[in-house]
């Protein structure tokens, strides 16, 4: 059994690589449950590449993370409601 991850958990884990600008865990609009992924934004692209290499398969609170670059920018809450 795993414990839910918080933005603070991810900030602390990914912050060891470098300056994290933003951590966002999307939630389902209706249930408010986490969707199972998060966005981590770094201050520069080099840190993001290092985080992808260092944090992929990192275990936190019983979960193994898969770290990939986002294919699109983060959607705003209004954009998500329109889906």
PDB file of N, CA and C in Angstrom:
ATOM      1  N   UNK A   1       0.848  -1.188   0.000  1.00  0.00           N
ATOM      2  CA  UNK A   1       0.000   0.000   0.000  1.00  0.00           C
ATOM      3  C   UNK A   1       0.886   1.241   0.000  1.00  0.00           C
ATOM      4  N   UNK A   2       0.491   2.229  -0.748  1.00  0.00           N
ATOM      5  CA  UNK A   2       1.270   3.455  -0.826  1.00  0.00           C
ATOM      6  C   UNK A   2       0.502   4.617  -0.226  1.00  0.00           C
ATOM      7  N   UNK A   3       1.243   5.601   0.192  1.00  0.00           N
ATOM      8  CA  UNK A   3       0.658   6.828   0.734  1.00  0.00           C
ATOM      9  C   UNK A   3       0.546   7.858  -0.376  1.00  0.00           C
ATOM     10  N   UNK A   4      -0.439   8.746  -0.306  1.00  0.00           N
ATOM     11  CA  UNK A   4      -0.554   9.778  -1.346  1.00  0.00           C
ATOM     12  C   UNK A   4       0.654  10.714  -1.332  1.00  0.00           C
ATOM     13  N   UNK A   5       1.075  11.116  -2.523  1.00  0.00           N
ATOM     14  CA  UNK A   5       2.171  12.072  -2.642  1.00  0.00           C
ATOM     15  C   UNK A   5       1.622  13.484  -2.617  1.00  0.00           C
ATOM     16  N   UNK A   6       2.332  14.370  -1.965  1.00  0.00           N
ATOM     17  CA  UNK A   6       1.943  15.778  -1.904  1.00  0.00           C
ATOM     18  C   UNK A   6       2.909  16.607  -2.736  1.00  0.00           C
ATOM     19  N   UNK A   7       2.518  17.832  -3.009  1.00  0.00           N
ATOM     20  CA  UNK A   7       3.429  18.733  -3.718  1.00  0.00           C
ATOM     21  C   UNK A   7       4.702  18.935  -2.906  1.00  0.00           C
ATOM     22  N   UNK A   8       4.574  18.947  -1.586  1.00  0.00           N
ATOM     23  CA  UNK A   8       5.749  19.116  -0.718  1.00  0.00           C
ATOM     24  C   UNK A   8       6.697  17.927  -0.846  1.00  0.00           C
ATOM     25  N   UNK A   9       6.139  16.696  -0.927  1.00  0.00           N
ATOM     26  CA  UNK A   9       6.979  15.504  -1.113  1.00  0.00           C
ATOM     27  C   UNK A   9       7.796  15.624  -2.394  1.00  0.00           C
ATOM     28  N   UNK A  10       7.122  16.005  -3.475  1.00  0.00           N
ATOM     29  CA  UNK A  10       7.794  16.109  -4.770  1.00  0.00           C
ATOM     30  C   UNK A  10       8.779  17.263  -4.789  1.00  0.00           C
ATOM     31  N   UNK A  11       8.415  18.382  -4.174  1.00  0.00           N
ATOM     32  CA  UNK A  11       9.321  19.540  -4.084  1.00  0.00           C
ATOM     33  C   UNK A  11      10.611  19.139  -3.381  1.00  0.00           C
ATOM     34  N   UNK A  12      10.487  18.403  -2.287  1.00  0.00           N
ATOM     35  CA  UNK A  12      11.666  18.000  -1.524  1.00  0.00           C
ATOM     36  C   UNK A  12      12.516  16.998  -2.314  1.00  0.00           C
ATOM     37  N   UNK A  13      11.882  16.018  -2.922  1.00  0.00           N
ATOM     38  CA  UNK A  13      12.621  14.993  -3.656  1.00  0.00           C
ATOM     39  C   UNK A  13      13.319  15.579  -4.886  1.00  0.00           C
ATOM     40  N   UNK A  14      12.585  16.344  -5.683  1.00  0.00           N
ATOM     41  CA  UNK A  14      13.155  16.888  -6.912  1.00  0.00           C
ATOM     42  C   UNK A  14      14.032  18.109  -6.646  1.00  0.00           C
ATOM     43  N   UNK A  15      13.840  18.758  -5.510  1.00  0.00           N
ATOM     44  CA  UNK A  15      14.647  19.922  -5.160  1.00  0.00           C
ATOM     45  C   UNK A  15      16.099  19.596  -4.904  1.00  0.00           C
ATOM     46  N   UNK A  16      16.402  18.342  -4.673  1.00  0.00           N
ATOM     47  CA  UNK A  16      17.817  17.974  -4.460  1.00  0.00           C
ATOM     48  C   UNK A  16      18.626  18.089  -5.748  1.00  0.00           C
ATOM     49  N   UNK A  17      17.938  18.125  -6.902  1.00  0.00           N
ATOM     50  CA  UNK A  17      18.610  18.274  -8.198  1.00  0.00           C
ATOM     51  C   UNK A  17      18.931  19.741  -8.466  1.00  0.00           C
ATOM     52  N   UNK A  18      17.990  20.633  -8.109  1.00  0.00           N
ATOM     53  CA  UNK A  18      18.180  22.056  -8.375  1.00  0.00           C
ATOM     54  C   UNK A  18      16.918  22.830  -8.048  1.00  0.00           C
ATOM     55  N   UNK A  19      16.900  24.083  -8.446  1.00  0.00           N
ATOM     56  CA  UNK A  19      15.790  24.975  -8.113  1.00  0.00           C
ATOM     57  C   UNK A  19      14.509  24.572  -8.855  1.00  0.00           C
ATOM     58  N   UNK A  20      13.491  24.190  -8.073  1.00  0.00           N
ATOM     59  CA  UNK A  20      12.192  23.829  -8.632  1.00  0.00           C
ATOM     60  C   UNK A  20      11.311  25.070  -8.605  1.00  0.00           C
ATOM     61  N   UNK A  21      10.790  25.451  -9.775  1.00  0.00           N
ATOM     62  CA  UNK A  21       9.911  26.628  -9.858  1.00  0.00           C
ATOM     63  C   UNK A  21       8.476  26.310  -9.465  1.00  0.00           C
ATOM     64  N   UNK A  22       8.002  25.111  -9.859  1.00  0.00           N
ATOM     65  CA  UNK A  22       6.595  24.791  -9.635  1.00  0.00           C
ATOM     66  C   UNK A  22       6.405  23.284  -9.571  1.00  0.00           C
ATOM     67  N   UNK A  23       5.487  22.852  -8.720  1.00  0.00           N
ATOM     68  CA  UNK A  23       5.052  21.455  -8.641  1.00  0.00           C
ATOM     69  C   UNK A  23       3.538  21.481  -8.710  1.00  0.00           C
ATOM     70  N   UNK A  24       2.992  20.684  -9.614  1.00  0.00           N
ATOM     71  CA  UNK A  24       1.535  20.652  -9.793  1.00  0.00           C
ATOM     72  C   UNK A  24       1.082  19.211  -9.954  1.00  0.00           C
ATOM     73  N   UNK A  25       0.128  18.801  -9.132  1.00  0.00           N
ATOM     74  CA  UNK A  25      -0.462  17.467  -9.216  1.00  0.00           C
ATOM     75  C   UNK A  25      -1.907  17.642  -9.699  1.00  0.00           C
ATOM     76  N   UNK A  26      -2.187  17.327 -10.971  1.00  0.00           N
ATOM     77  CA  UNK A  26      -3.555  17.480 -11.488  1.00  0.00           C
ATOM     78  C   UNK A  26      -4.533  16.558 -10.756  1.00  0.00           C
ATOM     79  N   UNK A  27      -5.742  17.064 -10.582  1.00  0.00           N
ATOM     80  CA  UNK A  27      -6.810  16.294  -9.937  1.00  0.00           C
ATOM     81  C   UNK A  27      -8.001  16.206 -10.874  1.00  0.00           C
ATOM     82  N   UNK A  28      -8.733  15.107 -10.746  1.00  0.00           N
ATOM     83  CA  UNK A  28      -9.969  14.956 -11.497  1.00  0.00           C
ATOM     84  C   UNK A  28     -10.954  16.031 -11.038  1.00  0.00           C
ATOM     85  N   UNK A  29     -11.592  16.681 -11.988  1.00  0.00           N
ATOM     86  CA  UNK A  29     -12.498  17.792 -11.672  1.00  0.00           C
ATOM     87  C   UNK A  29     -13.647  17.357 -10.773  1.00  0.00           C
ATOM     88  N   UNK A  30     -14.197  16.182 -11.017  1.00  0.00           N
ATOM     89  CA  UNK A  30     -15.381  15.735 -10.267  1.00  0.00           C
ATOM     90  C   UNK A  30     -15.029  15.055  -8.944  1.00  0.00           C
ATOM     91  N   UNK A  31     -14.077  14.136  -8.977  1.00  0.00           N
ATOM     92  CA  UNK A  31     -13.757  13.379  -7.753  1.00  0.00           C
ATOM     93  C   UNK A  31     -12.723  14.068  -6.875  1.00  0.00           C
ATOM     94  N   UNK A  32     -11.960  14.992  -7.466  1.00  0.00           N
ATOM     95  CA  UNK A  32     -10.853  15.670  -6.785  1.00  0.00           C
ATOM     96  C   UNK A  32      -9.721  14.722  -6.384  1.00  0.00           C
ATOM     97  N   UNK A  33      -9.718  13.519  -6.941  1.00  0.00           N
ATOM     98  CA  UNK A  33      -8.635  12.568  -6.705  1.00  0.00           C
ATOM     99  C   UNK A  33      -7.481  12.871  -7.661  1.00  0.00           C
ATOM    100  N   UNK A  34      -6.230  12.670  -7.215  1.00  0.00           N
ATOM    101  CA  UNK A  34      -5.090  12.889  -8.114  1.00  0.00           C
ATOM    102  C   UNK A  34      -5.192  11.982  -9.335  1.00  0.00           C
ATOM    103  N   UNK A  35      -4.746  12.503 -10.475  1.00  0.00           N
ATOM    104  CA  UNK A  35      -4.814  11.741 -11.726  1.00  0.00           C
ATOM    105  C   UNK A  35      -3.660  10.757 -11.888  1.00  0.00           C
ATOM    106  N   UNK A  36      -2.679  10.793 -11.006  1.00  0.00           N
ATOM    107  CA  UNK A  36      -1.600   9.813 -11.064  1.00  0.00           C
ATOM    108  C   UNK A  36      -0.329  10.306 -11.742  1.00  0.00           C
ATOM    109  N   UNK A  37      -0.262  11.608 -12.000  1.00  0.00           N
ATOM    110  CA  UNK A  37       0.961  12.182 -12.553  1.00  0.00           C
ATOM    111  C   UNK A  37       1.117  13.597 -12.025  1.00  0.00           C
ATOM    112  N   UNK A  38       2.285  14.166 -12.243  1.00  0.00           N
ATOM    113  CA  UNK A  38       2.557  15.521 -11.760  1.00  0.00           C
ATOM    114  C   UNK A  38       3.461  16.239 -12.752  1.00  0.00           C
ATOM    115  N   UNK A  39       3.478  17.548 -12.645  1.00  0.00           N
ATOM    116  CA  UNK A  39       4.373  18.387 -13.425  1.00  0.00           C
ATOM    117  C   UNK A  39       5.377  19.027 -12.472  1.00  0.00           C
ATOM    118  N   UNK A  40       6.644  18.905 -12.810  1.00  0.00           N
ATOM    119  CA  UNK A  40       7.711  19.546 -12.043  1.00  0.00           C
ATOM    120  C   UNK A  40       8.401  20.510 -13.010  1.00  0.00           C
ATOM    121  N   UNK A  41       8.478  21.784 -12.654  1.00  0.00           N
ATOM    122  CA  UNK A  41       9.144  22.767 -13.514  1.00  0.00           C
ATOM    123  C   UNK A  41      10.418  23.243 -12.833  1.00  0.00           C
ATOM    124  N   UNK A  42      11.511  23.157 -13.566  1.00  0.00           N
ATOM    125  CA  UNK A  42      12.803  23.608 -13.060  1.00  0.00           C
ATOM    126  C   UNK A  42      13.138  24.990 -13.587  1.00  0.00           C
ATOM    127  N   UNK A  43      14.083  25.626 -12.923  1.00  0.00           N
ATOM    128  CA  UNK A  43      14.517  26.970 -13.300  1.00  0.00           C
ATOM    129  C   UNK A  43      15.255  26.971 -14.637  1.00  0.00           C
ATOM    130  N   UNK A  44      15.889  25.847 -14.984  1.00  0.00           N
ATOM    131  CA  UNK A  44      16.565  25.799 -16.292  1.00  0.00           C
ATOM    132  C   UNK A  44      16.511  24.388 -16.874  1.00  0.00           C
ATOM    133  N   UNK A  45      16.642  24.276 -18.186  1.00  0.00           N
ATOM    134  CA  UNK A  45      16.525  22.980 -18.867  1.00  0.00           C
ATOM    135  C   UNK A  45      17.583  21.957 -18.462  1.00  0.00           C
ATOM    136  N   UNK A  46      18.775  22.407 -18.097  1.00  0.00           N
ATOM    137  CA  UNK A  46      19.815  21.459 -17.684  1.00  0.00           C
ATOM    138  C   UNK A  46      19.416  20.705 -16.427  1.00  0.00           C
ATOM    139  N   UNK A  47      18.805  21.414 -15.487  1.00  0.00           N
ATOM    140  CA  UNK A  47      18.330  20.763 -14.262  1.00  0.00           C
ATOM    141  C   UNK A  47      17.217  19.765 -14.582  1.00  0.00           C
ATOM    142  N   UNK A  48      16.347  20.120 -15.502  1.00  0.00           N
ATOM    143  CA  UNK A  48      15.256  19.226 -15.890  1.00  0.00           C
ATOM    144  C   UNK A  48      15.815  17.936 -16.496  1.00  0.00           C
ATOM    145  N   UNK A  49      16.824  18.057 -17.358  1.00  0.00           N
ATOM    146  CA  UNK A  49      17.449  16.866 -17.949  1.00  0.00           C
ATOM    147  C   UNK A  49      18.108  16.006 -16.873  1.00  0.00           C
ATOM    148  N   UNK A  50      18.784  16.659 -15.940  1.00  0.00           N
ATOM    149  CA  UNK A  50      19.426  15.911 -14.851  1.00  0.00           C
ATOM    150  C   UNK A  50      18.381  15.204 -13.999  1.00  0.00           C
ATOM    151  N   UNK A  51      17.276  15.884 -13.715  1.00  0.00           N
ATOM    152  CA  UNK A  51      16.205  15.270 -12.928  1.00  0.00           C
ATOM    153  C   UNK A  51      15.617  14.068 -13.649  1.00  0.00           C
ATOM    154  N   UNK A  52      15.417  14.194 -14.953  1.00  0.00           N
ATOM    155  CA  UNK A  52      14.886  13.058 -15.723  1.00  0.00           C
ATOM    156  C   UNK A  52      15.828  11.859 -15.590  1.00  0.00           C
ATOM    157  N   UNK A  53      17.119  12.100 -15.700  1.00  0.00           N
ATOM    158  CA  UNK A  53      18.091  11.010 -15.628  1.00  0.00           C
ATOM    159  C   UNK A  53      18.232  10.453 -14.212  1.00  0.00           C
ATOM    160  N   UNK A  54      18.255  11.330 -13.223  1.00  0.00           N
ATOM    161  CA  UNK A  54      18.496  10.910 -11.839  1.00  0.00           C
ATOM    162  C   UNK A  54      17.247  10.370 -11.132  1.00  0.00           C
ATOM    163  N   UNK A  55      16.078  10.928 -11.448  1.00  0.00           N
ATOM    164  CA  UNK A  55      14.875  10.604 -10.684  1.00  0.00           C
ATOM    165  C   UNK A  55      14.003   9.521 -11.325  1.00  0.00           C
ATOM    166  N   UNK A  56      14.283   9.142 -12.571  1.00  0.00           N
ATOM    167  CA  UNK A  56      13.516   8.069 -13.190  1.00  0.00           C
ATOM    168  C   UNK A  56      13.744   6.789 -12.398  1.00  0.00           C
ATOM    169  N   UNK A  57      12.666   6.135 -12.040  1.00  0.00           N
ATOM    170  CA  UNK A  57      12.655   4.910 -11.216  1.00  0.00           C
ATOM    171  C   UNK A  57      12.978   5.170  -9.740  1.00  0.00           C
ATOM    172  N   UNK A  58      13.041   6.424  -9.329  1.00  0.00           N
ATOM    173  CA  UNK A  58      13.230   6.791  -7.922  1.00  0.00           C
ATOM    174  C   UNK A  58      12.000   6.348  -7.141  1.00  0.00           C
ATOM    175  N   UNK A  59      12.210   5.801  -5.960  1.00  0.00           N
ATOM    176  CA  UNK A  59      11.086   5.348  -5.129  1.00  0.00           C
ATOM    177  C   UNK A  59      10.806   6.356  -4.038  1.00  0.00           C
ATOM    178  N   UNK A  60       9.528   6.693  -3.896  1.00  0.00           N
ATOM    179  CA  UNK A  60       9.083   7.622  -2.855  1.00  0.00           C
ATOM    180  C   UNK A  60       7.713   7.155  -2.354  1.00  0.00           C
ATOM    181  N   UNK A  61       7.601   6.999  -1.046  1.00  0.00           N
ATOM    182  CA  UNK A  61       6.361   6.550  -0.401  1.00  0.00           C
ATOM    183  C   UNK A  61       5.798   5.285  -1.052  1.00  0.00           C
ATOM    184  N   UNK A  62       6.684   4.344  -1.353  1.00  0.00           N
ATOM    185  CA  UNK A  62       6.258   3.069  -1.905  1.00  0.00           C
ATOM    186  C   UNK A  62       5.951   3.068  -3.396  1.00  0.00           C
ATOM    187  N   UNK A  63       6.181   4.178  -4.073  1.00  0.00           N
ATOM    188  CA  UNK A  63       5.925   4.274  -5.519  1.00  0.00           C
ATOM    189  C   UNK A  63       7.231   4.449  -6.272  1.00  0.00           C
ATOM    190  N   UNK A  64       7.295   3.802  -7.430  1.00  0.00           N
ATOM    191  CA  UNK A  64       8.427   4.033  -8.320  1.00  0.00           C
ATOM    192  C   UNK A  64       7.987   5.057  -9.357  1.00  0.00           C
ATOM    193  N   UNK A  65       8.750   6.145  -9.451  1.00  0.00           N
ATOM    194  CA  UNK A  65       8.400   7.214 -10.381  1.00  0.00           C
ATOM    195  C   UNK A  65       8.911   6.917 -11.783  1.00  0.00           C
ATOM    196  N   UNK A  66       8.149   7.351 -12.765  1.00  0.00           N
ATOM    197  CA  UNK A  66       8.612   7.361 -14.152  1.00  0.00           C
ATOM    198  C   UNK A  66       8.704   8.823 -14.545  1.00  0.00           C
ATOM    199  N   UNK A  67       9.890   9.276 -14.911  1.00  0.00           N
ATOM    200  CA  UNK A  67      10.105  10.687 -15.209  1.00  0.00           C
ATOM    201  C   UNK A  67      10.314  10.863 -16.716  1.00  0.00           C
ATOM    202  N   UNK A  68       9.448  11.666 -17.315  1.00  0.00           N
ATOM    203  CA  UNK A  68       9.535  11.986 -18.743  1.00  0.00           C
ATOM    204  C   UNK A  68       9.269  13.477 -18.902  1.00  0.00           C
ATOM    205  N   UNK A  69       9.703  14.027 -20.027  1.00  0.00           N
ATOM    206  CA  UNK A  69       9.391  15.423 -20.321  1.00  0.00           C
ATOM    207  C   UNK A  69       7.940  15.528 -20.769  1.00  0.00           C
ATOM    208  N   UNK A  70       7.259  16.569 -20.343  1.00  0.00           N
ATOM    209  CA  UNK A  70       5.880  16.815 -20.758  1.00  0.00           C
ATOM    210  C   UNK A  70       5.851  17.093 -22.256  1.00  0.00           C
ATOM    211  N   UNK A  71       4.819  16.578 -22.923  1.00  0.00           N
ATOM    212  CA  UNK A  71       4.671  16.791 -24.360  1.00  0.00           C
ATOM    213  C   UNK A  71       3.957  18.099 -24.672  1.00  0.00           C
ATOM    214  N   UNK A  72       3.211  18.615 -23.700  1.00  0.00           N
ATOM    215  CA  UNK A  72       2.470  19.866 -23.862  1.00  0.00           C
ATOM    216  C   UNK A  72       2.666  20.704 -22.614  1.00  0.00           C
ATOM    217  N   UNK A  73       2.253  21.957 -22.719  1.00  0.00           N
ATOM    218  CA  UNK A  73       2.307  22.806 -21.525  1.00  0.00           C
ATOM    219  C   UNK A  73       1.168  22.408 -20.576  1.00  0.00           C
ATOM    220  N   UNK A  74       1.309  22.791 -19.339  1.00  0.00           N
ATOM    221  CA  UNK A  74       0.291  22.500 -18.333  1.00  0.00           C
ATOM    222  C   UNK A  74      -0.991  23.246 -18.666  1.00  0.00           C
ATOM    223  N   UNK A  75      -2.132  22.581 -18.597  1.00  0.00           N
ATOM    224  CA  UNK A  75      -3.413  23.216 -18.888  1.00  0.00           C
ATOM    225  C   UNK A  75      -3.918  23.987 -17.669  1.00  0.00           C
ATOM    226  N   UNK A  76      -4.635  25.077 -17.927  1.00  0.00           N
ATOM    227  CA  UNK A  76      -5.228  25.857 -16.841  1.00  0.00           C
ATOM    228  C   UNK A  76      -6.484  25.128 -16.345  1.00  0.00           C
ATOM    229  N   UNK A  77      -6.965  25.453 -15.137  1.00  0.00           N
ATOM    230  CA  UNK A  77      -8.202  24.837 -14.658  1.00  0.00           C
ATOM    231  C   UNK A  77      -9.387  25.055 -15.620  1.00  0.00           C
ATOM    232  N   UNK A  78      -9.476  26.233 -16.234  1.00  0.00           N
ATOM    233  CA  UNK A  78     -10.565  26.480 -17.180  1.00  0.00           C
ATOM    234  C   UNK A  78     -10.465  25.572 -18.403  1.00  0.00           C
ATOM    235  N   UNK A  79      -9.252  25.340 -18.888  1.00  0.00           N
ATOM    236  CA  UNK A  79      -9.073  24.432 -20.016  1.00  0.00           C
ATOM    237  C   UNK A  79      -9.462  22.998 -19.628  1.00  0.00           C
ATOM    238  N   UNK A  80      -9.156  22.600 -18.412  1.00  0.00           N
ATOM    239  CA  UNK A  80      -9.499  21.245 -17.969  1.00  0.00           C
ATOM    240  C   UNK A  80     -11.006  21.070 -17.808  1.00  0.00           C
ATOM    241  N   UNK A  81     -11.705  22.093 -17.347  1.00  0.00           N
ATOM    242  CA  UNK A  81     -13.159  21.996 -17.170  1.00  0.00           C
ATOM    243  C   UNK A  81     -13.872  21.803 -18.505  1.00  0.00           C
ATOM    244  N   UNK A  82     -13.303  22.330 -19.579  1.00  0.00           N
ATOM    245  CA  UNK A  82     -13.915  22.240 -20.888  1.00  0.00           C
ATOM    246  C   UNK A  82     -13.797  20.881 -21.537  1.00  0.00           C
ATOM    247  N   UNK A  83     -13.078  19.959 -20.928  1.00  0.00           N
ATOM    248  CA  UNK A  83     -12.873  18.631 -21.520  1.00  0.00           C
ATOM    249  C   UNK A  83     -14.069  17.758 -21.401  1.00  0.00           C
TER     250      UNK A  83
END
